[in-house]
């Protein structure tokens, strides 16, 4: 299983077959929105506490970009 580490400034233009997403917040009240290269929202999550969460996501993305990264350390995309 491969892992792609994304921060708020990272973008990927590769086609990715996603198996899951780990959100690693840096503080409470975090928000994460990821879009594909066409600007469509492919993943969205939020939390009230600074606890890492894994989301099982089965999808194929054509590129990805974190468009909203509030109180996040990183987002790990597993493929």
PDB file of N, CA and C in Angstrom:
ATOM      1  N   UNK A   1       0.850  -1.175   0.000  1.00  0.00           N
ATOM      2  CA  UNK A   1       0.000   0.000   0.000  1.00  0.00           C
ATOM      3  C   UNK A   1       0.895   1.237   0.000  1.00  0.00           C
ATOM      4  N   UNK A   2       0.668   2.134  -0.926  1.00  0.00           N
ATOM      5  CA  UNK A   2       1.425   3.375  -1.017  1.00  0.00           C
ATOM      6  C   UNK A   2       0.746   4.460  -0.189  1.00  0.00           C
ATOM      7  N   UNK A   3       1.542   5.441   0.204  1.00  0.00           N
ATOM      8  CA  UNK A   3       0.998   6.532   1.001  1.00  0.00           C
ATOM      9  C   UNK A   3       1.485   7.854   0.429  1.00  0.00           C
ATOM     10  N   UNK A   4       0.579   8.794   0.238  1.00  0.00           N
ATOM     11  CA  UNK A   4       0.899  10.130  -0.236  1.00  0.00           C
ATOM     12  C   UNK A   4       0.604  11.103   0.890  1.00  0.00           C
ATOM     13  N   UNK A   5       1.634  11.833   1.342  1.00  0.00           N
ATOM     14  CA  UNK A   5       1.450  12.809   2.422  1.00  0.00           C
ATOM     15  C   UNK A   5       1.171  14.164   1.800  1.00  0.00           C
ATOM     16  N   UNK A   6       0.047  14.750   2.170  1.00  0.00           N
ATOM     17  CA  UNK A   6      -0.346  16.049   1.643  1.00  0.00           C
ATOM     18  C   UNK A   6      -0.411  17.063   2.783  1.00  0.00           C
ATOM     19  N   UNK A   7       0.059  18.271   2.522  1.00  0.00           N
ATOM     20  CA  UNK A   7      -0.157  19.392   3.427  1.00  0.00           C
ATOM     21  C   UNK A   7      -0.948  20.433   2.644  1.00  0.00           C
ATOM     22  N   UNK A   8      -1.206  21.554   3.241  1.00  0.00           N
ATOM     23  CA  UNK A   8      -2.074  22.542   2.591  1.00  0.00           C
ATOM     24  C   UNK A   8      -1.484  23.106   1.306  1.00  0.00           C
ATOM     25  N   UNK A   9      -0.186  22.944   1.075  1.00  0.00           N
ATOM     26  CA  UNK A   9       0.424  23.502  -0.129  1.00  0.00           C
ATOM     27  C   UNK A   9       0.706  22.453  -1.193  1.00  0.00           C
ATOM     28  N   UNK A  10       0.418  21.182  -0.927  1.00  0.00           N
ATOM     29  CA  UNK A  10       0.709  20.118  -1.887  1.00  0.00           C
ATOM     30  C   UNK A  10      -0.433  19.888  -2.859  1.00  0.00           C
ATOM     31  N   UNK A  11      -0.041  19.490  -4.061  1.00  0.00           N
ATOM     32  CA  UNK A  11      -0.988  19.097  -5.095  1.00  0.00           C
ATOM     33  C   UNK A  11      -0.435  17.869  -5.791  1.00  0.00           C
ATOM     34  N   UNK A  12      -1.313  17.041  -6.291  1.00  0.00           N
ATOM     35  CA  UNK A  12      -0.905  15.883  -7.068  1.00  0.00           C
ATOM     36  C   UNK A  12      -1.742  15.845  -8.332  1.00  0.00           C
ATOM     37  N   UNK A  13      -1.099  15.650  -9.461  1.00  0.00           N
ATOM     38  CA  UNK A  13      -1.837  15.599 -10.719  1.00  0.00           C
ATOM     39  C   UNK A  13      -1.981  14.166 -11.223  1.00  0.00           C
ATOM     40  N   UNK A  14      -1.475  13.199 -10.474  1.00  0.00           N
ATOM     41  CA  UNK A  14      -1.538  11.805 -10.880  1.00  0.00           C
ATOM     42  C   UNK A  14      -2.910  11.197 -10.590  1.00  0.00           C
ATOM     43  N   UNK A  15      -3.289  10.202 -11.376  1.00  0.00           N
ATOM     44  CA  UNK A  15      -4.488   9.430 -11.076  1.00  0.00           C
ATOM     45  C   UNK A  15      -4.171   8.527  -9.894  1.00  0.00           C
ATOM     46  N   UNK A  16      -4.999   8.578  -8.861  1.00  0.00           N
ATOM     47  CA  UNK A  16      -4.764   7.834  -7.633  1.00  0.00           C
ATOM     48  C   UNK A  16      -5.963   6.958  -7.324  1.00  0.00           C
ATOM     49  N   UNK A  17      -5.707   5.677  -7.083  1.00  0.00           N
ATOM     50  CA  UNK A  17      -6.753   4.747  -6.663  1.00  0.00           C
ATOM     51  C   UNK A  17      -6.746   4.748  -5.130  1.00  0.00           C
ATOM     52  N   UNK A  18      -7.668   5.458  -4.533  1.00  0.00           N
ATOM     53  CA  UNK A  18      -7.681   5.711  -3.090  1.00  0.00           C
ATOM     54  C   UNK A  18      -8.327   4.543  -2.348  1.00  0.00           C
ATOM     55  N   UNK A  19      -7.660   4.100  -1.272  1.00  0.00           N
ATOM     56  CA  UNK A  19      -8.199   3.063  -0.385  1.00  0.00           C
ATOM     57  C   UNK A  19      -8.578   3.622   0.981  1.00  0.00           C
ATOM     58  N   UNK A  20      -8.021   4.759   1.337  1.00  0.00           N
ATOM     59  CA  UNK A  20      -8.333   5.350   2.625  1.00  0.00           C
ATOM     60  C   UNK A  20      -7.598   6.661   2.826  1.00  0.00           C
ATOM     61  N   UNK A  21      -8.075   7.440   3.796  1.00  0.00           N
ATOM     62  CA  UNK A  21      -7.499   8.747   4.097  1.00  0.00           C
ATOM     63  C   UNK A  21      -7.338   8.866   5.599  1.00  0.00           C
ATOM     64  N   UNK A  22      -6.148   9.273   6.022  1.00  0.00           N
ATOM     65  CA  UNK A  22      -5.870   9.541   7.425  1.00  0.00           C
ATOM     66  C   UNK A  22      -5.702  11.043   7.584  1.00  0.00           C
ATOM     67  N   UNK A  23      -6.544  11.645   8.402  1.00  0.00           N
ATOM     68  CA  UNK A  23      -6.462  13.079   8.672  1.00  0.00           C
ATOM     69  C   UNK A  23      -5.763  13.253  10.017  1.00  0.00           C
ATOM     70  N   UNK A  24      -4.678  14.039  10.015  1.00  0.00           N
ATOM     71  CA  UNK A  24      -3.879  14.292  11.217  1.00  0.00           C
ATOM     72  C   UNK A  24      -4.025  15.768  11.600  1.00  0.00           C
ATOM     73  N   UNK A  25      -4.958  16.082  12.505  1.00  0.00           N
ATOM     74  CA  UNK A  25      -5.188  17.484  12.862  1.00  0.00           C
ATOM     75  C   UNK A  25      -4.122  18.025  13.812  1.00  0.00           C
ATOM     76  N   UNK A  26      -3.917  19.328  13.754  1.00  0.00           N
ATOM     77  CA  UNK A  26      -2.992  19.994  14.664  1.00  0.00           C
ATOM     78  C   UNK A  26      -3.727  20.672  15.808  1.00  0.00           C
ATOM     79  N   UNK A  27      -5.041  20.737  15.733  1.00  0.00           N
ATOM     80  CA  UNK A  27      -5.836  21.367  16.770  1.00  0.00           C
ATOM     81  C   UNK A  27      -7.304  21.006  16.625  1.00  0.00           C
ATOM     82  N   UNK A  28      -8.085  21.537  17.530  1.00  0.00           N
ATOM     83  CA  UNK A  28      -9.527  21.260  17.515  1.00  0.00           C
ATOM     84  C   UNK A  28     -10.204  22.037  16.385  1.00  0.00           C
ATOM     85  N   UNK A  29     -11.419  21.650  16.086  1.00  0.00           N
ATOM     86  CA  UNK A  29     -12.243  22.297  15.063  1.00  0.00           C
ATOM     87  C   UNK A  29     -11.547  22.335  13.704  1.00  0.00           C
ATOM     88  N   UNK A  30     -11.078  21.180  13.274  1.00  0.00           N
ATOM     89  CA  UNK A  30     -10.368  21.094  12.005  1.00  0.00           C
ATOM     90  C   UNK A  30     -11.340  20.835  10.857  1.00  0.00           C
ATOM     91  N   UNK A  31     -10.910  21.217   9.663  1.00  0.00           N
ATOM     92  CA  UNK A  31     -11.696  21.021   8.447  1.00  0.00           C
ATOM     93  C   UNK A  31     -10.743  20.599   7.332  1.00  0.00           C
ATOM     94  N   UNK A  32     -11.162  19.621   6.545  1.00  0.00           N
ATOM     95  CA  UNK A  32     -10.366  19.150   5.418  1.00  0.00           C
ATOM     96  C   UNK A  32     -11.275  18.966   4.208  1.00  0.00           C
ATOM     97  N   UNK A  33     -10.936  19.637   3.115  1.00  0.00           N
ATOM     98  CA  UNK A  33     -11.660  19.472   1.863  1.00  0.00           C
ATOM     99  C   UNK A  33     -10.625  19.221   0.765  1.00  0.00           C
ATOM    100  N   UNK A  34     -10.813  18.125   0.034  1.00  0.00           N
ATOM    101  CA  UNK A  34      -9.924  17.758  -1.061  1.00  0.00           C
ATOM    102  C   UNK A  34     -10.736  17.780  -2.354  1.00  0.00           C
ATOM    103  N   UNK A  35     -10.167  18.400  -3.389  1.00  0.00           N
ATOM    104  CA  UNK A  35     -10.815  18.431  -4.695  1.00  0.00           C
ATOM    105  C   UNK A  35      -9.930  17.727  -5.722  1.00  0.00           C
ATOM    106  N   UNK A  36     -10.540  17.333  -6.837  1.00  0.00           N
ATOM    107  CA  UNK A  36      -9.760  16.773  -7.938  1.00  0.00           C
ATOM    108  C   UNK A  36      -9.318  17.913  -8.851  1.00  0.00           C
ATOM    109  N   UNK A  37      -8.647  17.595  -9.958  1.00  0.00           N
ATOM    110  CA  UNK A  37      -8.132  18.640 -10.840  1.00  0.00           C
ATOM    111  C   UNK A  37      -9.224  19.447 -11.525  1.00  0.00           C
ATOM    112  N   UNK A  38     -10.439  18.897 -11.604  1.00  0.00           N
ATOM    113  CA  UNK A  38     -11.567  19.625 -12.193  1.00  0.00           C
ATOM    114  C   UNK A  38     -12.269  20.527 -11.174  1.00  0.00           C
ATOM    115  N   UNK A  39     -11.851  20.461  -9.892  1.00  0.00           N
ATOM    116  CA  UNK A  39     -12.469  21.280  -8.861  1.00  0.00           C
ATOM    117  C   UNK A  39     -13.622  20.624  -8.142  1.00  0.00           C
ATOM    118  N   UNK A  40     -13.886  19.352  -8.430  1.00  0.00           N
ATOM    119  CA  UNK A  40     -14.958  18.626  -7.745  1.00  0.00           C
ATOM    120  C   UNK A  40     -14.493  18.175  -6.366  1.00  0.00           C
ATOM    121  N   UNK A  41     -15.344  18.303  -5.367  1.00  0.00           N
ATOM    122  CA  UNK A  41     -15.002  17.823  -4.026  1.00  0.00           C
ATOM    123  C   UNK A  41     -15.026  16.302  -4.033  1.00  0.00           C
ATOM    124  N   UNK A  42     -13.870  15.691  -3.683  1.00  0.00           N
ATOM    125  CA  UNK A  42     -13.773  14.234  -3.648  1.00  0.00           C
ATOM    126  C   UNK A  42     -13.713  13.705  -2.215  1.00  0.00           C
ATOM    127  N   UNK A  43     -13.413  14.597  -1.252  1.00  0.00           N
ATOM    128  CA  UNK A  43     -13.387  14.206   0.149  1.00  0.00           C
ATOM    129  C   UNK A  43     -13.594  15.445   1.005  1.00  0.00           C
ATOM    130  N   UNK A  44     -14.406  15.290   2.057  1.00  0.00           N
ATOM    131  CA  UNK A  44     -14.655  16.381   2.987  1.00  0.00           C
ATOM    132  C   UNK A  44     -14.891  15.798   4.373  1.00  0.00           C
ATOM    133  N   UNK A  45     -14.214  16.363   5.370  1.00  0.00           N
ATOM    134  CA  UNK A  45     -14.392  15.910   6.750  1.00  0.00           C
ATOM    135  C   UNK A  45     -14.075  17.056   7.697  1.00  0.00           C
ATOM    136  N   UNK A  46     -14.617  16.933   8.905  1.00  0.00           N
ATOM    137  CA  UNK A  46     -14.333  17.923   9.954  1.00  0.00           C
ATOM    138  C   UNK A  46     -14.413  17.233  11.299  1.00  0.00           C
ATOM    139  N   UNK A  47     -13.753  17.813  12.292  1.00  0.00           N
ATOM    140  CA  UNK A  47     -13.769  17.239  13.625  1.00  0.00           C
ATOM    141  C   UNK A  47     -13.675  18.312  14.687  1.00  0.00           C
ATOM    142  N   UNK A  48     -14.148  17.992  15.878  1.00  0.00           N
ATOM    143  CA  UNK A  48     -14.165  18.948  16.980  1.00  0.00           C
ATOM    144  C   UNK A  48     -12.943  18.818  17.889  1.00  0.00           C
ATOM    145  N   UNK A  49     -12.215  17.692  17.776  1.00  0.00           N
ATOM    146  CA  UNK A  49     -11.051  17.490  18.642  1.00  0.00           C
ATOM    147  C   UNK A  49      -9.818  17.155  17.800  1.00  0.00           C
ATOM    148  N   UNK A  50      -8.650  17.243  18.403  1.00  0.00           N
ATOM    149  CA  UNK A  50      -7.386  17.029  17.694  1.00  0.00           C
ATOM    150  C   UNK A  50      -6.972  15.567  17.722  1.00  0.00           C
ATOM    151  N   UNK A  51      -7.849  14.699  17.264  1.00  0.00           N
ATOM    152  CA  UNK A  51      -7.583  13.263  17.226  1.00  0.00           C
ATOM    153  C   UNK A  51      -7.524  12.814  15.772  1.00  0.00           C
ATOM    154  N   UNK A  52      -6.457  12.094  15.403  1.00  0.00           N
ATOM    155  CA  UNK A  52      -6.323  11.585  14.039  1.00  0.00           C
ATOM    156  C   UNK A  52      -7.445  10.602  13.736  1.00  0.00           C
ATOM    157  N   UNK A  53      -7.929  10.653  12.493  1.00  0.00           N
ATOM    158  CA  UNK A  53      -9.017   9.764  12.090  1.00  0.00           C
ATOM    159  C   UNK A  53      -8.707   9.162  10.722  1.00  0.00           C
ATOM    160  N   UNK A  54      -9.042   7.882  10.581  1.00  0.00           N
ATOM    161  CA  UNK A  54      -8.904   7.189   9.300  1.00  0.00           C
ATOM    162  C   UNK A  54     -10.283   7.013   8.685  1.00  0.00           C
ATOM    163  N   UNK A  55     -10.389   7.336   7.403  1.00  0.00           N
ATOM    164  CA  UNK A  55     -11.648   7.197   6.672  1.00  0.00           C
ATOM    165  C   UNK A  55     -11.435   6.196   5.541  1.00  0.00           C
ATOM    166  N   UNK A  56     -12.166   5.081   5.550  1.00  0.00           N
ATOM    167  CA  UNK A  56     -12.051   4.130   4.440  1.00  0.00           C
ATOM    168  C   UNK A  56     -12.771   4.693   3.210  1.00  0.00           C
ATOM    169  N   UNK A  57     -12.010   5.056   2.219  1.00  0.00           N
ATOM    170  CA  UNK A  57     -12.554   5.643   0.995  1.00  0.00           C
ATOM    171  C   UNK A  57     -12.080   4.785  -0.169  1.00  0.00           C
ATOM    172  N   UNK A  58     -12.996   4.289  -0.958  1.00  0.00           N
ATOM    173  CA  UNK A  58     -12.670   3.518  -2.163  1.00  0.00           C
ATOM    174  C   UNK A  58     -13.078   4.361  -3.361  1.00  0.00           C
ATOM    175  N   UNK A  59     -12.091   4.957  -4.029  1.00  0.00           N
ATOM    176  CA  UNK A  59     -12.394   5.848  -5.138  1.00  0.00           C
ATOM    177  C   UNK A  59     -11.159   5.997  -6.014  1.00  0.00           C
ATOM    178  N   UNK A  60     -11.337   6.543  -7.201  1.00  0.00           N
ATOM    179  CA  UNK A  60     -10.219   6.885  -8.074  1.00  0.00           C
ATOM    180  C   UNK A  60     -10.296   8.375  -8.341  1.00  0.00           C
ATOM    181  N   UNK A  61      -9.201   9.064  -8.042  1.00  0.00           N
ATOM    182  CA  UNK A  61      -9.145  10.505  -8.218  1.00  0.00           C
ATOM    183  C   UNK A  61      -8.216  10.845  -9.360  1.00  0.00           C
ATOM    184  N   UNK A  62      -8.603  11.825 -10.169  1.00  0.00           N
ATOM    185  CA  UNK A  62      -7.720  12.375 -11.180  1.00  0.00           C
ATOM    186  C   UNK A  62      -7.091  13.620 -10.581  1.00  0.00           C
ATOM    187  N   UNK A  63      -5.961  13.419  -9.930  1.00  0.00           N
ATOM    188  CA  UNK A  63      -5.300  14.504  -9.219  1.00  0.00           C
ATOM    189  C   UNK A  63      -6.008  14.825  -7.927  1.00  0.00           C
ATOM    190  N   UNK A  64      -5.341  15.558  -7.064  1.00  0.00           N
ATOM    191  CA  UNK A  64      -5.979  16.009  -5.826  1.00  0.00           C
ATOM    192  C   UNK A  64      -5.270  17.237  -5.300  1.00  0.00           C
ATOM    193  N   UNK A  65      -6.026  18.030  -4.581  1.00  0.00           N
ATOM    194  CA  UNK A  65      -5.552  19.282  -4.013  1.00  0.00           C
ATOM    195  C   UNK A  65      -6.330  19.553  -2.741  1.00  0.00           C
ATOM    196  N   UNK A  66      -5.644  19.859  -1.665  1.00  0.00           N
ATOM    197  CA  UNK A  66      -6.347  20.231  -0.431  1.00  0.00           C
ATOM    198  C   UNK A  66      -6.740  21.694  -0.566  1.00  0.00           C
ATOM    199  N   UNK A  67      -8.031  21.949  -0.696  1.00  0.00           N
ATOM    200  CA  UNK A  67      -8.497  23.316  -0.885  1.00  0.00           C
ATOM    201  C   UNK A  67      -8.848  23.996   0.435  1.00  0.00           C
ATOM    202  N   UNK A  68      -9.184  23.217   1.451  1.00  0.00           N
ATOM    203  CA  UNK A  68      -9.417  23.762   2.783  1.00  0.00           C
ATOM    204  C   UNK A  68      -8.650  22.897   3.776  1.00  0.00           C
ATOM    205  N   UNK A  69      -7.764  23.527   4.538  1.00  0.00           N
ATOM    206  CA  UNK A  69      -6.962  22.812   5.520  1.00  0.00           C
ATOM    207  C   UNK A  69      -6.886  23.652   6.781  1.00  0.00           C
ATOM    208  N   UNK A  70      -7.910  23.564   7.593  1.00  0.00           N
ATOM    209  CA  UNK A  70      -7.963  24.326   8.827  1.00  0.00           C
ATOM    210  C   UNK A  70      -7.511  23.432   9.974  1.00  0.00           C
ATOM    211  N   UNK A  71      -6.478  23.851  10.696  1.00  0.00           N
ATOM    212  CA  UNK A  71      -5.937  23.137  11.864  1.00  0.00           C
ATOM    213  C   UNK A  71      -5.505  21.709  11.513  1.00  0.00           C
ATOM    214  N   UNK A  72      -4.812  21.553  10.374  1.00  0.00           N
ATOM    215  CA  UNK A  72      -4.328  20.235   9.962  1.00  0.00           C
ATOM    216  C   UNK A  72      -2.804  20.211   9.924  1.00  0.00           C
ATOM    217  N   UNK A  73      -2.227  19.106  10.364  1.00  0.00           N
ATOM    218  CA  UNK A  73      -0.792  18.879  10.200  1.00  0.00           C
ATOM    219  C   UNK A  73      -0.538  18.272   8.832  1.00  0.00           C
ATOM    220  N   UNK A  74      -1.297  17.229   8.495  1.00  0.00           N
ATOM    221  CA  UNK A  74      -1.149  16.573   7.201  1.00  0.00           C
ATOM    222  C   UNK A  74      -2.353  15.690   6.934  1.00  0.00           C
ATOM    223  N   UNK A  75      -2.486  15.308   5.678  1.00  0.00           N
ATOM    224  CA  UNK A  75      -3.499  14.354   5.241  1.00  0.00           C
ATOM    225  C   UNK A  75      -2.749  13.273   4.477  1.00  0.00           C
ATOM    226  N   UNK A  76      -2.962  12.027   4.869  1.00  0.00           N
ATOM    227  CA  UNK A  76      -2.303  10.902   4.230  1.00  0.00           C
ATOM    228  C   UNK A  76      -3.307  10.176   3.362  1.00  0.00           C
ATOM    229  N   UNK A  77      -2.983  10.022   2.087  1.00  0.00           N
ATOM    230  CA  UNK A  77      -3.865   9.323   1.155  1.00  0.00           C
ATOM    231  C   UNK A  77      -3.238   7.984   0.853  1.00  0.00           C
ATOM    232  N   UNK A  78      -3.942   6.923   1.189  1.00  0.00           N
ATOM    233  CA  UNK A  78      -3.457   5.551   0.988  1.00  0.00           C
ATOM    234  C   UNK A  78      -4.030   5.000  -0.303  1.00  0.00           C
ATOM    235  N   UNK A  79      -3.150   4.401  -1.098  1.00  0.00           N
ATOM    236  CA  UNK A  79      -3.587   3.822  -2.368  1.00  0.00           C
ATOM    237  C   UNK A  79      -3.030   2.427  -2.526  1.00  0.00           C
TER     238      UNK A  79
END
